[in-house]
N, C-alpha and C. Protein backbone atom coordinates (compact mmCIF):
# COMPACT_ATOMS: atom_id res chain seq x y z
N MET A 1 0.77 -1.05 -0.03
CA MET A 1 0.14 0.18 -0.02
C MET A 1 1.06 1.57 0.07
N ARG A 2 0.54 2.57 -0.80
CA ARG A 2 1.18 2.81 -1.02
C ARG A 2 1.14 4.51 0.12
N LYS A 3 1.20 4.78 0.69
CA LYS A 3 1.03 6.85 1.57
C LYS A 3 1.64 7.53 0.88
N GLY A 4 1.05 8.93 0.96
CA GLY A 4 1.38 9.84 1.01
C GLY A 4 0.56 10.48 -0.38
N TYR A 5 1.59 11.37 -1.14
CA TYR A 5 0.67 11.46 -2.91
C TYR A 5 1.92 11.79 -3.61
N ALA A 6 2.20 11.42 -5.04
CA ALA A 6 2.51 11.09 -5.17
C ALA A 6 3.63 12.55 -6.07
N LEU A 7 4.30 13.07 -6.47
CA LEU A 7 4.32 14.11 -7.10
C LEU A 7 3.93 14.93 -7.85
N PHE A 8 2.92 14.12 -8.76
CA PHE A 8 2.55 14.09 -10.00
C PHE A 8 1.29 15.23 -9.25
N GLU A 9 1.29 14.14 -8.44
CA GLU A 9 -0.50 14.46 -7.08
C GLU A 9 -0.58 16.21 -7.19
N VAL A 10 0.53 16.39 -6.13
CA VAL A 10 1.21 17.41 -5.66
C VAL A 10 0.84 18.59 -6.66
N LEU A 11 1.96 18.89 -7.81
CA LEU A 11 2.26 19.59 -8.69
C LEU A 11 0.32 19.96 -9.48
N ILE A 12 -0.41 18.97 -9.55
CA ILE A 12 -1.34 18.77 -9.92
C ILE A 12 -2.51 20.13 -8.65
N PHE A 13 -2.06 19.85 -7.67
CA PHE A 13 -2.96 20.84 -5.99
C PHE A 13 -2.41 22.24 -6.45
N ILE A 14 -1.39 22.18 -7.39
CA ILE A 14 -0.42 23.73 -6.74
C ILE A 14 -0.61 24.35 -7.55
N VAL A 15 -1.53 23.50 -8.82
CA VAL A 15 -1.50 24.43 -10.46
C VAL A 15 -3.17 25.26 -10.11
N LEU A 16 -3.51 24.12 -9.94
CA LEU A 16 -5.26 24.28 -9.05
C LEU A 16 -5.13 25.60 -8.22
N PHE A 17 -4.30 24.82 -7.27
CA PHE A 17 -4.54 26.27 -5.93
C PHE A 17 -4.19 27.25 -6.86
N THR A 18 -2.91 27.71 -7.41
CA THR A 18 -2.52 28.82 -7.69
C THR A 18 -4.38 29.75 -8.91
N SER A 19 -4.25 28.80 -9.46
CA SER A 19 -5.62 29.15 -10.80
C SER A 19 -6.47 30.01 -9.77
N MET A 20 -6.71 29.16 -9.19
CA MET A 20 -8.13 29.13 -8.15
C MET A 20 -7.71 31.01 -7.47
N SER A 21 -6.57 30.20 -6.27
CA SER A 21 -6.12 31.97 -6.04
C SER A 21 -5.91 32.90 -7.10
N LEU A 22 -5.34 32.82 -7.97
CA LEU A 22 -5.48 34.64 -8.84
C LEU A 22 -6.60 34.65 -9.39
N ALA A 23 -7.65 33.91 -10.11
CA ALA A 23 -8.76 33.77 -10.52
C ALA A 23 -9.45 34.69 -9.24
N PHE A 24 -9.67 34.62 -8.34
CA PHE A 24 -10.34 35.41 -6.74
C PHE A 24 -9.64 36.08 -6.72
N MET A 25 -8.26 36.92 -6.86
CA MET A 25 -7.89 37.92 -6.73
C MET A 25 -7.77 38.80 -7.68
N THR A 26 -8.37 38.42 -8.77
CA THR A 26 -8.13 39.02 -10.57
C THR A 26 -9.24 39.88 -10.19
N VAL A 27 -10.45 38.63 -10.02
CA VAL A 27 -11.62 39.18 -9.71
C VAL A 27 -12.07 40.63 -7.79
N PHE A 28 -11.44 39.68 -7.20
CA PHE A 28 -11.58 41.08 -6.41
C PHE A 28 -11.03 42.57 -6.38
N ILE A 29 -10.01 42.04 -7.08
CA ILE A 29 -9.20 44.18 -7.94
C ILE A 29 -10.48 44.48 -8.11
N SER A 30 -10.87 44.00 -9.42
CA SER A 30 -11.79 44.47 -9.83
C SER A 30 -13.09 44.85 -9.59
N VAL A 31 -13.61 44.20 -8.41
CA VAL A 31 -14.67 44.78 -7.11
C VAL A 31 -13.97 46.14 -7.12
N MET A 32 -13.05 46.20 -6.40
CA MET A 32 -12.10 47.34 -5.58
C MET A 32 -12.00 48.92 -6.48
N ARG A 33 -11.44 48.17 -8.19
CA ARG A 33 -11.23 49.64 -8.62
C ARG A 33 -13.03 49.77 -8.92
N ILE A 34 -13.80 49.31 -9.21
CA ILE A 34 -15.41 49.77 -9.79
C ILE A 34 -15.57 50.24 -8.22
N ASN A 35 -15.72 49.66 -7.04
CA ASN A 35 -15.58 50.42 -5.76
C ASN A 35 -15.54 51.37 -5.61
N VAL A 36 -14.00 52.57 -6.23
CA VAL A 36 -13.60 53.62 -5.66
C VAL A 36 -13.60 54.19 -6.98
N ARG A 37 -13.93 53.96 -7.71
CA ARG A 37 -14.88 54.46 -9.06
C ARG A 37 -16.09 55.70 -8.45
N GLN A 38 -16.92 54.15 -8.37
CA GLN A 38 -18.33 54.93 -8.15
C GLN A 38 -18.23 55.82 -6.66
N SER A 39 -17.10 55.50 -5.96
CA SER A 39 -17.31 56.28 -4.55
C SER A 39 -16.44 57.78 -5.60
N SER A 40 -16.27 58.17 -6.00
CA SER A 40 -15.31 59.19 -6.36
C SER A 40 -16.49 59.77 -7.62
N ALA A 41 -17.36 59.08 -8.96
CA ALA A 41 -18.58 59.48 -8.89
C ALA A 41 -19.49 60.21 -7.90
N ALA A 42 -19.67 59.40 -6.66
CA ALA A 42 -20.86 59.75 -5.89
C ALA A 42 -20.05 61.35 -5.46
N GLU A 43 -18.76 60.99 -5.12
CA GLU A 43 -18.71 63.09 -4.09
C GLU A 43 -18.86 64.00 -5.47
N VAL A 44 -18.33 63.55 -6.91
CA VAL A 44 -18.51 64.84 -7.99
C VAL A 44 -20.20 64.53 -8.24
N ASN A 45 -20.34 63.88 -7.63
CA ASN A 45 -22.24 64.01 -8.05
C ASN A 45 -22.54 64.52 -7.53
N GLY A 46 -22.64 64.68 -6.27
CA GLY A 46 -22.95 65.34 -4.66
C GLY A 46 -22.65 67.15 -4.68
N GLN A 47 -22.04 66.91 -4.59
CA GLN A 47 -20.77 68.22 -4.85
C GLN A 47 -21.76 68.72 -6.06
N ALA A 48 -22.56 68.90 -7.08
CA ALA A 48 -22.39 69.14 -8.02
C ALA A 48 -23.68 69.93 -7.60
N GLN A 49 -24.56 68.65 -7.10
CA GLN A 49 -25.55 69.39 -7.05
C GLN A 49 -25.85 69.82 -6.08
N PHE A 50 -25.00 70.17 -5.37
CA PHE A 50 -25.34 71.14 -3.87
C PHE A 50 -24.87 72.38 -4.43
N LEU A 51 -23.91 72.83 -5.72
CA LEU A 51 -23.27 73.27 -6.17
C LEU A 51 -24.82 74.41 -6.88
N LEU A 52 -25.49 73.19 -7.67
CA LEU A 52 -25.55 73.74 -8.64
C LEU A 52 -26.80 74.12 -8.27
N THR A 53 -28.10 74.00 -7.19
CA THR A 53 -28.87 74.11 -5.81
C THR A 53 -28.80 75.38 -5.09
N THR A 54 -27.70 75.44 -4.81
CA THR A 54 -27.25 76.64 -4.61
C THR A 54 -27.12 78.33 -5.53
N ILE A 55 -26.59 77.73 -6.79
CA ILE A 55 -26.65 79.09 -7.53
C ILE A 55 -27.83 79.17 -7.96
N GLU A 56 -28.91 77.75 -8.29
CA GLU A 56 -30.81 78.37 -8.62
C GLU A 56 -30.59 78.81 -7.17
N GLN A 57 -31.28 78.38 -6.12
CA GLN A 57 -31.75 79.27 -4.97
C GLN A 57 -31.45 81.22 -4.83
N GLU A 58 -30.00 81.10 -5.30
CA GLU A 58 -29.57 82.13 -5.27
C GLU A 58 -29.82 83.05 -6.31
N VAL A 59 -30.34 82.35 -7.67
CA VAL A 59 -30.90 83.34 -8.71
C VAL A 59 -31.74 83.71 -8.68
N MET A 60 -32.84 82.62 -8.36
CA MET A 60 -34.02 83.10 -8.12
C MET A 60 -34.48 83.75 -7.42
N GLN A 61 -34.14 83.90 -5.80
CA GLN A 61 -34.13 85.22 -5.39
C GLN A 61 -33.79 85.87 -5.10
N ALA A 62 -32.82 86.56 -6.51
CA ALA A 62 -31.94 87.45 -6.04
C ALA A 62 -33.11 88.70 -6.39
N ALA A 63 -32.90 90.21 -6.49
CA ALA A 63 -33.65 91.16 -6.59
C ALA A 63 -32.89 91.55 -8.02
N SER A 64 -31.94 92.00 -8.42
CA SER A 64 -31.02 91.88 -9.08
C SER A 64 -29.46 91.38 -9.99
N ILE A 65 -28.84 91.25 -11.42
CA ILE A 65 -28.31 90.34 -10.69
C ILE A 65 -27.84 91.88 -12.00
N ASP A 66 -25.94 92.06 -11.50
CA ASP A 66 -25.08 92.69 -12.23
C ASP A 66 -24.95 92.23 -13.46
N ASP A 67 -24.49 93.09 -14.61
CA ASP A 67 -24.07 92.39 -15.43
C ASP A 67 -22.43 91.98 -15.31
N ILE A 68 -22.69 90.17 -16.34
CA ILE A 68 -21.55 89.50 -15.98
C ILE A 68 -19.37 90.45 -16.80
N THR A 69 -18.53 90.77 -16.28
CA THR A 69 -17.27 91.35 -16.44
C THR A 69 -16.82 90.04 -15.95
N ASP A 70 -16.69 89.24 -15.68
CA ASP A 70 -16.01 88.32 -15.44
C ASP A 70 -17.06 86.45 -15.32
N PRO A 71 -16.67 85.91 -16.05
CA PRO A 71 -17.33 84.90 -16.74
C PRO A 71 -17.32 84.12 -15.39
N GLY A 72 -16.55 83.68 -14.19
CA GLY A 72 -16.12 83.11 -13.46
C GLY A 72 -17.43 83.53 -12.26
N THR A 73 -17.79 85.09 -12.64
CA THR A 73 -18.36 85.55 -11.04
C THR A 73 -19.48 85.53 -11.92
N LEU A 74 -20.27 85.87 -10.12
CA LEU A 74 -21.72 86.44 -10.79
C LEU A 74 -22.33 86.98 -9.00
N THR A 75 -22.29 88.48 -9.17
CA THR A 75 -22.85 88.81 -7.71
C THR A 75 -24.14 89.49 -8.46
N MET A 76 -24.82 89.15 -7.28
CA MET A 76 -26.40 89.47 -7.01
C MET A 76 -26.59 90.73 -6.08
N HIS A 77 -27.95 90.60 -5.70
CA HIS A 77 -28.33 92.01 -4.92
C HIS A 77 -29.55 91.78 -4.80
N PRO A 78 -30.09 90.66 -3.34
CA PRO A 78 -31.12 90.26 -3.15
C PRO A 78 -32.22 91.58 -2.46
N ALA A 79 -32.58 90.40 -2.40
CA ALA A 79 -34.18 91.57 -1.78
C ALA A 79 -33.85 92.35 -0.52
N PRO A 80 -34.66 93.34 -0.42
CA PRO A 80 -34.19 94.68 0.14
C PRO A 80 -34.65 93.63 1.53
N ALA A 81 -35.08 93.27 2.03
CA ALA A 81 -35.81 92.33 3.56
C ALA A 81 -34.87 91.38 3.80
N ASP A 82 -33.51 91.51 2.76
CA ASP A 82 -32.23 90.43 3.00
C ASP A 82 -31.44 91.21 2.90
N PHE A 83 -30.74 92.81 3.11
CA PHE A 83 -30.32 93.94 2.47
C PHE A 83 -29.63 93.72 3.37
N ALA A 84 -28.80 92.78 4.44
CA ALA A 84 -27.54 92.47 5.34
C ALA A 84 -27.09 91.51 4.58
N ARG A 85 -27.32 90.96 3.34
CA ARG A 85 -26.42 90.15 2.56
C ARG A 85 -25.73 90.76 1.70
N ASP A 86 -26.10 92.06 1.06
CA ASP A 86 -26.50 92.85 -0.47
C ASP A 86 -24.53 92.74 -0.08
N PRO A 87 -23.63 93.14 -1.11
CA PRO A 87 -24.16 91.52 -2.51
C PRO A 87 -23.53 90.64 -2.33
N VAL A 88 -24.66 89.50 -2.96
CA VAL A 88 -24.13 88.14 -2.58
C VAL A 88 -23.45 88.38 -4.01
N GLU A 89 -21.94 86.93 -4.09
CA GLU A 89 -21.18 86.86 -5.16
C GLU A 89 -20.75 85.13 -4.83
N ILE A 90 -20.83 84.89 -5.87
CA ILE A 90 -20.85 83.64 -6.46
C ILE A 90 -18.89 83.59 -7.29
N SER A 91 -18.25 83.17 -7.22
CA SER A 91 -17.11 83.31 -7.76
C SER A 91 -15.87 81.81 -7.39
N LEU A 92 -15.38 81.84 -8.70
CA LEU A 92 -14.36 80.21 -8.39
C LEU A 92 -13.11 80.85 -8.54
N ILE A 93 -12.39 80.76 -7.74
CA ILE A 93 -11.42 81.19 -6.81
C ILE A 93 -10.42 79.87 -7.23
N GLY A 94 -9.27 79.98 -8.24
CA GLY A 94 -8.66 78.55 -8.29
C GLY A 94 -9.49 77.35 -8.37
N THR A 95 -9.56 76.21 -8.11
CA THR A 95 -10.47 75.20 -8.20
C THR A 95 -11.75 75.17 -7.38
N THR A 96 -11.92 75.83 -6.69
CA THR A 96 -12.69 76.28 -5.72
C THR A 96 -14.12 77.11 -5.46
N VAL A 97 -15.51 76.60 -5.53
CA VAL A 97 -16.34 77.53 -5.60
C VAL A 97 -17.11 78.22 -4.20
N TYR A 98 -16.90 79.61 -4.47
CA TYR A 98 -16.56 80.76 -2.60
C TYR A 98 -18.44 80.86 -3.37
N LEU A 99 -18.71 81.42 -1.97
CA LEU A 99 -19.55 82.22 -2.27
C LEU A 99 -20.05 83.25 -0.83
N GLN A 100 -19.98 84.32 -1.34
CA GLN A 100 -19.22 86.02 -0.34
C GLN A 100 -20.76 86.30 -0.25
N GLU A 101 -21.22 86.44 1.24
CA GLU A 101 -22.63 87.62 0.88
C GLU A 101 -21.24 89.16 1.97
N ALA A 102 -21.94 90.42 1.78
CA ALA A 102 -21.67 91.75 2.00
C ALA A 102 -20.33 91.87 2.00
N GLY A 103 -19.47 91.48 1.03
CA GLY A 103 -18.29 91.34 1.31
C GLY A 103 -17.85 91.36 2.74
N GLY A 104 -18.34 90.09 2.77
CA GLY A 104 -17.66 89.42 3.93
C GLY A 104 -16.69 88.19 3.14
N THR A 105 -16.54 87.67 4.06
CA THR A 105 -14.99 85.81 3.76
C THR A 105 -15.70 85.71 3.26
N PRO A 106 -15.59 85.34 1.57
CA PRO A 106 -16.44 83.70 1.08
C PRO A 106 -16.21 82.54 1.47
N GLU A 107 -16.80 81.59 1.97
CA GLU A 107 -17.15 80.09 2.18
C GLU A 107 -17.48 79.53 0.81
N PRO A 108 -16.44 78.30 1.13
CA PRO A 108 -16.26 77.73 0.22
C PRO A 108 -17.90 76.94 -0.31
N LEU A 109 -17.85 76.72 -1.36
CA LEU A 109 -19.17 75.77 -1.74
C LEU A 109 -19.05 74.50 -1.92
N THR A 110 -17.60 74.20 -2.71
CA THR A 110 -17.17 73.19 -2.61
C THR A 110 -16.28 72.28 -2.00
N SER A 111 -15.35 71.21 -1.95
CA SER A 111 -14.92 70.86 -0.87
C SER A 111 -13.26 70.66 -1.68
N GLN A 112 -12.45 70.47 -0.92
CA GLN A 112 -11.06 70.61 -1.46
C GLN A 112 -10.70 68.44 -2.10
N LYS A 113 -11.98 67.71 -1.80
CA LYS A 113 -12.29 66.18 -2.75
C LYS A 113 -12.31 66.09 -4.29
N VAL A 114 -13.02 67.22 -4.71
CA VAL A 114 -13.53 68.27 -6.01
C VAL A 114 -12.48 69.70 -6.62
N LYS A 115 -12.51 69.54 -8.03
CA LYS A 115 -12.27 70.59 -8.12
C LYS A 115 -13.16 70.84 -9.72
N VAL A 116 -13.31 72.26 -9.33
CA VAL A 116 -14.34 72.79 -10.29
C VAL A 116 -13.76 73.78 -11.40
N ASP A 117 -13.47 72.61 -12.83
CA ASP A 117 -11.81 73.11 -13.76
C ASP A 117 -12.33 74.34 -14.46
N ALA A 118 -13.67 74.86 -14.68
CA ALA A 118 -14.98 75.81 -15.49
C ALA A 118 -15.86 76.43 -14.51
N LEU A 119 -16.15 77.53 -14.02
CA LEU A 119 -17.27 77.81 -14.41
C LEU A 119 -17.69 79.20 -14.99
N THR A 120 -18.78 78.76 -15.34
CA THR A 120 -19.33 79.95 -16.57
C THR A 120 -20.58 80.45 -16.08
N PHE A 121 -21.04 82.18 -16.07
CA PHE A 121 -22.18 83.00 -15.86
C PHE A 121 -22.32 83.53 -16.95
N THR A 122 -23.56 83.58 -17.95
CA THR A 122 -24.00 84.17 -18.86
C THR A 122 -25.46 84.34 -18.34
N LYS A 123 -25.46 85.80 -18.64
CA LYS A 123 -26.85 86.30 -18.00
C LYS A 123 -27.72 87.32 -19.39
N GLN A 124 -28.63 86.73 -19.53
CA GLN A 124 -29.25 87.26 -20.71
C GLN A 124 -30.50 87.95 -19.94
N GLU A 125 -30.79 89.33 -20.73
CA GLU A 125 -31.85 90.14 -20.43
C GLU A 125 -32.36 90.12 -20.82
N ASN A 126 -34.18 89.71 -20.64
CA ASN A 126 -35.56 89.78 -21.18
C ASN A 126 -36.34 91.30 -20.93
N PRO A 127 -36.97 91.73 -21.90
CA PRO A 127 -37.34 93.52 -21.81
C PRO A 127 -38.81 93.04 -20.69
N SER A 128 -39.21 92.61 -21.63
CA SER A 128 -40.40 91.76 -21.05
C SER A 128 -40.90 90.88 -20.10
N ALA A 129 -39.93 90.38 -19.79
CA ALA A 129 -39.35 89.45 -18.68
C ALA A 129 -38.46 88.95 -17.72
N ARG A 130 -38.23 88.61 -16.75
CA ARG A 130 -37.57 88.46 -16.44
C ARG A 130 -36.41 87.97 -16.32
N ASP A 131 -34.66 88.43 -16.09
CA ASP A 131 -33.60 87.59 -16.68
C ASP A 131 -32.92 86.67 -15.90
N VAL A 132 -32.61 85.62 -16.97
CA VAL A 132 -32.27 84.26 -16.44
C VAL A 132 -30.81 84.60 -16.81
N VAL A 133 -30.23 83.28 -16.12
CA VAL A 133 -28.59 83.80 -16.28
C VAL A 133 -28.46 81.89 -16.51
N SER A 134 -27.74 81.24 -17.29
CA SER A 134 -26.70 80.39 -17.52
C SER A 134 -25.38 80.36 -16.93
N VAL A 135 -25.48 78.86 -16.52
CA VAL A 135 -24.41 78.19 -15.77
C VAL A 135 -24.13 77.09 -16.59
N LEU A 136 -22.71 77.34 -16.81
CA LEU A 136 -22.42 76.00 -16.61
C LEU A 136 -20.85 76.27 -16.04
N PHE A 137 -20.27 74.76 -15.59
CA PHE A 137 -19.14 74.09 -14.19
C PHE A 137 -18.77 72.28 -15.41
N THR A 138 -17.42 72.62 -14.74
CA THR A 138 -17.01 71.20 -14.91
C THR A 138 -16.44 70.89 -13.60
N MET A 139 -16.64 70.05 -13.32
CA MET A 139 -16.51 69.42 -12.02
C MET A 139 -15.83 68.02 -11.90
N SER A 140 -14.78 68.36 -11.43
CA SER A 140 -13.50 66.53 -11.63
C SER A 140 -13.25 66.42 -9.79
N TYR A 141 -13.07 64.59 -10.20
CA TYR A 141 -12.57 64.38 -8.94
C TYR A 141 -11.02 64.92 -8.69
N ASN A 142 -10.72 65.21 -7.65
CA ASN A 142 -9.11 65.86 -6.90
C ASN A 142 -7.93 64.67 -6.69
N SER A 143 -7.50 63.76 -7.62
CA SER A 143 -7.27 62.45 -7.48
C SER A 143 -5.81 62.63 -8.50
N GLN A 144 -5.13 62.18 -8.45
CA GLN A 144 -3.84 61.33 -9.36
C GLN A 144 -4.19 60.55 -10.14
N SER A 145 -4.78 59.63 -9.12
CA SER A 145 -4.76 57.57 -8.85
C SER A 145 -5.54 58.11 -10.27
N PRO A 146 -4.94 57.09 -11.73
CA PRO A 146 -6.36 57.03 -12.71
C PRO A 146 -7.70 56.35 -12.29
N GLN A 147 -7.49 55.39 -11.24
CA GLN A 147 -8.82 54.53 -11.01
C GLN A 147 -10.16 55.51 -10.20
N GLN A 148 -9.40 56.72 -10.08
CA GLN A 148 -10.41 57.15 -9.33
C GLN A 148 -10.22 58.86 -10.38
N GLN A 149 -10.22 58.80 -10.85
CA GLN A 149 -10.39 59.84 -11.99
C GLN A 149 -12.08 60.00 -12.59
N TYR A 150 -12.93 60.73 -11.97
CA TYR A 150 -14.26 61.28 -13.40
C TYR A 150 -15.07 62.72 -12.60
N THR A 151 -15.20 63.62 -14.74
CA THR A 151 -15.66 64.33 -13.96
C THR A 151 -16.40 64.84 -14.96
N ARG A 152 -17.28 65.13 -14.48
CA ARG A 152 -18.46 65.86 -14.70
C ARG A 152 -19.17 67.24 -15.58
N THR A 153 -19.65 67.46 -16.22
CA THR A 153 -20.61 69.34 -16.55
C THR A 153 -21.05 69.06 -16.69
N LEU A 154 -21.75 69.90 -16.30
CA LEU A 154 -23.38 70.51 -15.81
C LEU A 154 -23.71 72.46 -16.72
N ARG A 155 -24.93 71.93 -17.48
CA ARG A 155 -25.18 73.70 -17.92
C ARG A 155 -26.97 73.03 -17.68
N THR A 156 -27.08 74.51 -17.02
CA THR A 156 -28.41 74.56 -16.80
C THR A 156 -28.78 76.29 -16.85
N SER A 157 -30.29 77.02 -16.89
CA SER A 157 -30.36 78.21 -16.92
C SER A 157 -31.33 78.57 -15.58
N VAL A 158 -30.85 79.18 -15.39
CA VAL A 158 -31.90 80.10 -14.09
C VAL A 158 -32.78 81.60 -14.16
N GLN A 159 -33.86 80.82 -14.12
CA GLN A 159 -34.74 82.25 -14.13
C GLN A 159 -34.85 83.38 -12.73
N LYS A 160 -34.74 84.30 -12.81
CA LYS A 160 -35.23 84.80 -11.62
C LYS A 160 -36.14 85.19 -10.71
N LEU A 161 -36.67 85.32 -9.58
CA LEU A 161 -38.26 85.50 -9.46
C LEU A 161 -38.71 86.16 -9.12
N ASN A 162 -37.83 87.36 -8.76
CA ASN A 162 -38.10 88.50 -8.74
C ASN A 162 -38.25 89.64 -9.80
N PRO A 163 -39.19 90.37 -10.10
CA PRO A 163 -39.15 90.95 -11.30
C PRO A 163 -37.83 92.30 -11.51
C-alpha cells in the first residue's frame, strides 16, 4: 500500500490552487476598482448637485443681477428684506467655488475632494420678462490616481423670480 501523494498529484494540486487564487484575486481587484470609481463619482455628483442647487436658489431670490464682466463671477443683490447680505457673489477662485455675502469672508461651496475646472455665468436680459442666468461648470474628482478620475459637466439656466 502506498502512503502519501505522488509528485504529480502535488503538482496538480499546486497548479489548481494557484489558478483559483489568481482568479479570485483578479475578481477582487476588479470589484475594488469599481468601488473606488463609484465613490469618486458619488462625491462629484453630490457636490455638483449641491453647487447647482445653491446657485439656483441665489439667482431665483435675487432682486437684481449685475452685468457679468468676469464669466467666472456672478454678483447679485438680494431683496430689500435681505439687505444685510448685499451683495451676494459666487465666484471661482483657483479650483474652488466660493459664496461671499456683504463683502465678508468667502465661504467655500465645494470641498477639497473635488476641483472645479471651469465655471461660466452668462446673463440673458429679457425686456418683457425676468432675467435668466446660464450656468456651465465642469467638476472633477481631485486625485492623481487614474482609477479615481471622474469628471462631470453641467449646464443649466435659472430665471430669477423677482421682477
